[in-house]
Each structure stands twice: as structure tokens, then as C-alpha cells.
Amino acid sequence: MLTSFPNYIAIIGDIKGSKKIDNRNKVQKIMKSLLEDINKKYMDDIYSKFTITLGDEFQGLLCCGANCMKILSEIERKLHPIKVRIGVGIGGITTEINREISIGADGPGYYKARTAIEYLKKEEKRKQTNPADIRIEIDGDYKSLSIMLNTILSLMTAIKESWTDRQREIIWDMMEHQDSQLDVAKRLGITQSSVQKGLSNGKYYAYKDAFDTIEKLLEETRSKYV
């Protein structure tokens, strides 16, 4: 059991290639609405509300990791086809925390989230392929755990990058609603066999197992002050 996990989960995200986006104002409005929805939907997990801090960057602070992966997945889904990179830092916060706006707070949690973002940027420039779009850094003696989590995230990204548009639509619908293949088929207006084929060819079950593994580990992160 990871009973000595640090206190908070700091999340920093930014849009990839934002300067090349034609209608940045429209994208920022979409992001603002999305973050407002997340702040309401996951209010029990959020200690400082998700906030746009710069034109193309946002951040938030979680006091509980139980829904961290769901939050990150929702951001990714709702912004698609716009791509984001997200740094997750697990650690303490050493300053006062504004519960309404995630600006001004500081400490190891945010240091680690920023380190994760910078790592992703360097990997994108160095590899010129499709490195992971989420990275987790943990304050303290958790090197082996960090390596494991980030290896899983890299494999998840490799699976995502192989999806066709139809496979992505089917898999994301299944991830969001967590019901039957028949229900997915009805919502998307396709046959159940098409859903089954999309899930299988898109390696949904391997992806979902990886997602659940990370989510289970992050569930053990909870601030002792909440």
C-alpha cells in the first residue's frame, strides 16, 4: 500500500502547436467552458478549480486522485482534434491555496507538474514521433513507481495513435458511458458488430486495463487536510 503518498495532485496542461491554430479565440472559449464543466462535475475531487493561467495553458489542483484519469481523459476527448500535453505532479503545496482560482500556489506538486510538461516538450522535439501526451512526476522516493506509470502512459499513447476516427469514436464513447456494446451502437447509429470490431481492432481492452491500473494507484493519493 502506498500509504505515504504526498498530499496533492497538481495538473498543468497546454495546447500543442497553439501558435499554428487559426482560431485561437474559439479554442480558448471551448477550453474555458470545458474547465467550468469539470469544476462542477468533479467538485469533490478538486481543491483549487481548473483555471486558464495563460492563453494556451491551464492548471488545477486535486485533493483526491480517484478521478484523476477520468478528468484527463475528458479534457482530451472534449478538445479533440486539438491536442494537449499534460503534466501531473504529486506532492505537497507550501503556499496558501486559492480554492476558486489555481493561480499563486506553489510547492513540490507544482514543481513536479512543470517538470513533467517540460519533459514532454523536449521529447516531442527530440523523437519527432508520437511520445506520451501525459506524464506523472512524484515528489519523494518513488522513482520506480514513476517509471512504471510513465511507461504505461507511453504505451497508452501508442495505442491511441493507432486508432482510426471510427475506432476513437467507439472507444471514447465506451470509456465515457461504461455500458454495453449495444448501447454504444445505438448512440452512434451503427451495428453492434461494428462496435465489437472497433473495440477489438483498437485494442480497447488493453487500453482500458492500463487506464484502470493508473487510476487505481492514483486513488491512494488524498490530502490529509481535506
Protein backbone atom coordinates (compact mmCIF):
# COMPACT_ATOMS: atom_id res chain seq x y z
CA MET A 1 0.00 0.00 0.00
CA LEU A 2 1.22 3.50 -0.84
CA THR A 3 0.17 4.96 2.46
CA SER A 4 2.88 7.61 2.47
CA PHE A 5 1.80 9.22 -0.81
CA PRO A 6 2.18 13.02 -0.86
CA ASN A 7 -0.78 15.30 -0.43
CA TYR A 8 -1.99 16.88 -3.66
CA ILE A 9 -2.13 16.27 -7.40
CA ALA A 10 -1.19 19.36 -9.40
CA ILE A 11 -2.16 19.35 -13.08
CA ILE A 12 -0.72 21.67 -15.71
CA GLY A 13 -1.79 21.38 -19.33
CA ASP A 14 -1.16 23.29 -22.53
CA ILE A 15 -2.20 23.07 -26.15
CA LYS A 16 0.27 21.58 -28.60
CA GLY A 17 1.19 23.82 -31.51
CA SER A 18 -1.14 26.57 -30.27
CA LYS A 19 0.52 29.27 -32.39
CA LYS A 20 -0.43 27.36 -35.54
CA ILE A 21 -4.14 27.20 -34.66
CA ASP A 22 -6.19 29.51 -36.89
CA ASN A 23 -8.96 30.44 -34.46
CA ARG A 24 -7.24 30.57 -31.07
CA ASN A 25 -10.03 32.68 -29.56
CA LYS A 26 -12.60 29.99 -30.32
CA VAL A 27 -10.35 27.29 -28.85
CA GLN A 28 -9.88 29.31 -25.65
CA LYS A 29 -13.65 29.67 -25.30
CA ILE A 30 -14.08 25.91 -25.70
CA MET A 31 -11.37 25.30 -23.10
CA LYS A 32 -12.95 27.77 -20.67
CA SER A 33 -16.36 26.07 -20.96
CA LEU A 34 -14.78 22.62 -20.62
CA LEU A 35 -12.90 23.55 -17.44
CA GLU A 36 -16.03 25.07 -15.93
CA ASP A 37 -17.88 21.80 -16.56
CA ILE A 38 -15.07 19.77 -15.00
CA ASN A 39 -15.00 22.03 -11.93
CA LYS A 40 -18.69 21.30 -11.37
CA LYS A 41 -18.65 17.61 -12.24
CA TYR A 42 -15.62 16.73 -10.09
CA MET A 43 -16.02 19.33 -7.34
CA ASP A 44 -15.44 16.76 -4.58
CA ASP A 45 -12.00 15.92 -6.02
CA ILE A 46 -10.88 19.45 -6.86
CA TYR A 47 -9.19 21.55 -4.18
CA SER A 48 -8.39 24.52 -6.42
CA LYS A 49 -10.52 24.96 -9.54
CA PHE A 50 -9.12 24.42 -13.01
CA THR A 51 -8.16 27.82 -14.40
CA ILE A 52 -6.73 29.16 -17.64
CA THR A 53 -3.45 30.68 -16.46
CA LEU A 54 -2.03 31.80 -19.80
CA GLY A 55 -3.61 32.00 -23.22
CA ASP A 56 -2.99 28.33 -24.02
CA GLU A 57 -2.24 26.88 -20.59
CA PHE A 58 -4.42 25.74 -17.69
CA GLN A 59 -3.91 24.24 -14.27
CA GLY A 60 -5.82 22.80 -11.34
CA LEU A 61 -5.22 21.09 -8.02
CA LEU A 62 -6.81 17.84 -6.85
CA CYS A 63 -7.09 16.73 -3.23
CA CYS A 64 -8.02 13.19 -4.26
CA GLY A 65 -6.72 11.08 -7.14
CA ALA A 66 -9.74 8.80 -7.57
CA ASN A 67 -10.99 10.54 -10.71
CA CYS A 68 -7.72 11.99 -12.00
CA MET A 69 -7.57 9.80 -15.10
CA LYS A 70 -11.23 10.45 -15.88
CA ILE A 71 -10.59 14.20 -15.72
CA LEU A 72 -7.57 13.97 -18.00
CA SER A 73 -9.45 11.74 -20.43
CA GLU A 74 -12.40 14.13 -20.54
CA ILE A 75 -10.13 17.07 -21.31
CA GLU A 76 -8.55 15.09 -24.12
CA ARG A 77 -11.89 13.97 -25.57
CA LYS A 78 -13.64 17.32 -25.42
CA LEU A 79 -10.74 19.23 -27.01
CA HIS A 80 -10.12 16.72 -29.82
CA PRO A 81 -8.83 17.16 -32.53
CA ILE A 82 -6.81 19.78 -30.69
CA LYS A 83 -4.00 18.00 -28.83
CA VAL A 84 -2.80 18.83 -25.34
CA ARG A 85 0.16 17.81 -23.24
CA ILE A 86 -0.47 17.39 -19.52
CA GLY A 87 1.98 17.32 -16.64
CA VAL A 88 0.83 15.73 -13.38
CA GLY A 89 2.77 16.45 -10.21
CA ILE A 90 2.13 14.59 -6.96
CA GLY A 91 3.47 16.38 -3.90
CA GLY A 92 2.89 18.98 -1.24
CA ILE A 93 1.83 22.61 -1.61
CA THR A 94 3.80 25.06 0.52
CA THR A 95 1.81 28.27 -0.04
CA GLU A 96 -1.77 29.33 0.59
CA ILE A 97 -4.27 27.80 -1.84
CA ASN A 98 -6.99 29.82 -3.54
CA ARG A 99 -9.89 27.39 -3.80
CA GLU A 100 -11.54 29.37 -6.62
CA ILE A 101 -8.58 30.04 -8.92
CA SER A 102 -5.48 27.90 -9.45
CA ILE A 103 -3.07 30.80 -9.51
CA GLY A 104 -0.39 31.71 -6.98
CA ALA A 105 0.00 28.38 -5.17
CA ASP A 106 3.41 26.75 -5.22
CA GLY A 107 5.32 23.77 -3.86
CA PRO A 108 6.68 20.35 -4.87
CA GLY A 109 3.37 19.33 -6.50
CA TYR A 110 3.51 22.18 -8.99
CA TYR A 111 7.29 21.87 -9.44
CA LYS A 112 6.79 18.26 -10.48
CA ALA A 113 3.92 19.08 -12.83
CA ARG A 114 6.06 21.73 -14.54
CA THR A 115 8.98 19.29 -14.77
CA ALA A 116 6.65 16.79 -16.45
CA ILE A 117 5.45 19.37 -19.01
CA GLU A 118 8.98 20.40 -19.88
CA TYR A 119 9.99 16.73 -20.29
CA LEU A 120 7.14 16.16 -22.75
CA LYS A 121 8.13 19.20 -24.79
CA LYS A 122 11.73 18.01 -25.05
CA GLU A 123 10.63 14.52 -26.08
CA GLU A 124 8.40 15.92 -28.82
CA LYS A 125 11.34 17.85 -30.29
CA ARG A 126 13.85 15.01 -29.88
CA LYS A 127 11.91 11.99 -31.15
CA GLN A 128 9.83 13.60 -33.89
CA THR A 129 7.34 10.77 -33.44
CA ASN A 130 4.45 10.42 -31.00
CA PRO A 131 5.71 10.49 -27.40
CA ALA A 132 3.31 10.32 -24.47
CA ASP A 133 0.99 13.30 -24.03
CA ILE A 134 0.65 12.81 -20.25
CA ARG A 135 3.48 12.46 -17.76
CA ILE A 136 3.42 11.93 -14.00
CA GLU A 137 6.17 13.06 -11.61
CA ILE A 138 6.07 12.21 -7.89
CA ASP A 139 7.89 14.09 -5.14
CA GLY A 140 9.98 11.85 -2.90
CA ASP A 141 11.44 8.37 -3.27
CA TYR A 142 9.06 6.97 -5.89
CA LYS A 143 11.37 6.60 -8.89
CA SER A 144 10.36 3.02 -9.70
CA LEU A 145 6.66 3.87 -9.46
CA SER A 146 7.13 6.94 -11.69
CA ILE A 147 8.90 4.84 -14.30
CA MET A 148 6.11 2.26 -14.27
CA LEU A 149 3.33 4.85 -14.56
CA ASN A 150 5.01 6.72 -17.40
CA THR A 151 5.79 3.52 -19.27
CA ILE A 152 2.08 2.62 -19.12
CA LEU A 153 1.15 6.13 -20.31
CA SER A 154 3.57 5.82 -23.25
CA LEU A 155 2.01 2.50 -24.27
CA MET A 156 -1.46 4.02 -23.99
CA THR A 157 -0.39 6.84 -26.29
CA ALA A 158 0.96 4.34 -28.82
CA ILE A 159 -2.42 2.60 -28.82
CA LYS A 160 -4.32 5.89 -29.20
CA GLU A 161 -2.16 6.98 -32.12
CA SER A 162 -3.11 3.79 -33.99
CA TRP A 163 -6.86 4.48 -33.80
CA THR A 164 -8.91 5.34 -36.86
CA ASP A 165 -11.51 8.07 -36.44
CA ARG A 166 -14.24 5.42 -36.10
CA GLN A 167 -12.29 3.39 -33.54
CA ARG A 168 -11.66 6.54 -31.50
CA GLU A 169 -15.35 7.43 -31.60
CA ILE A 170 -16.37 3.96 -30.41
CA ILE A 171 -13.70 3.65 -27.73
CA TRP A 172 -14.25 7.11 -26.28
CA ASP A 173 -17.99 6.52 -26.17
CA MET A 174 -17.42 3.26 -24.30
CA MET A 175 -14.95 4.94 -21.92
CA GLU A 176 -17.39 7.75 -21.17
CA HIS A 177 -20.55 5.71 -20.64
CA GLN A 178 -19.19 2.34 -19.49
CA ASP A 179 -22.19 0.34 -20.68
CA SER A 180 -22.84 -2.32 -23.32
CA GLN A 181 -21.75 -2.59 -26.93
CA LEU A 182 -25.41 -2.42 -27.93
CA ASP A 183 -25.84 0.89 -26.11
CA VAL A 184 -22.77 2.29 -27.86
CA ALA A 185 -24.16 1.13 -31.21
CA LYS A 186 -27.49 2.87 -30.56
CA ARG A 187 -25.84 6.16 -29.60
CA LEU A 188 -23.55 6.13 -32.65
CA GLY A 189 -26.12 4.80 -35.10
CA ILE A 190 -24.07 1.75 -36.12
CA THR A 191 -24.34 -2.00 -35.66
CA GLN A 192 -23.25 -3.89 -32.56
CA SER A 193 -20.83 -5.91 -34.70
CA SER A 194 -19.19 -2.66 -35.84
CA VAL A 195 -18.72 -1.68 -32.21
CA GLN A 196 -17.22 -5.06 -31.38
CA LYS A 197 -14.84 -4.82 -34.34
CA GLY A 198 -13.83 -1.27 -33.43
CA LEU A 199 -13.09 -2.20 -29.83
CA SER A 200 -11.08 -5.24 -30.85
CA ASN A 201 -9.04 -3.60 -33.61
CA GLY A 202 -8.46 -0.52 -31.46
CA LYS A 203 -7.09 -2.67 -28.60
CA TYR A 204 -9.71 -1.20 -26.28
CA TYR A 205 -9.41 -3.83 -23.58
CA ALA A 206 -5.64 -3.44 -23.25
CA TYR A 207 -6.08 0.34 -23.19
CA LYS A 208 -8.81 0.14 -20.55
CA ASP A 209 -6.73 -2.20 -18.36
CA ALA A 210 -3.85 0.28 -18.48
CA PHE A 211 -6.20 3.19 -17.70
CA ASP A 212 -7.67 1.33 -14.72
CA THR A 213 -4.23 0.39 -13.37
CA ILE A 214 -3.11 4.03 -13.23
CA GLU A 215 -6.46 5.12 -11.80
CA LYS A 216 -6.22 2.51 -9.03
CA LEU A 217 -2.77 3.72 -7.99
CA LEU A 218 -3.79 7.38 -8.04
CA GLU A 219 -6.82 6.59 -5.85
CA GLU A 220 -4.39 6.25 -2.94
CA THR A 221 -3.42 9.91 -3.20
CA ARG A 222 -5.55 12.00 -0.87
CA SER A 223 -4.74 15.16 1.01
CA LYS A 224 -4.75 14.65 4.78
CA TYR A 225 -6.04 18.21 5.14
CA VAL A 226 -9.35 17.56 3.38
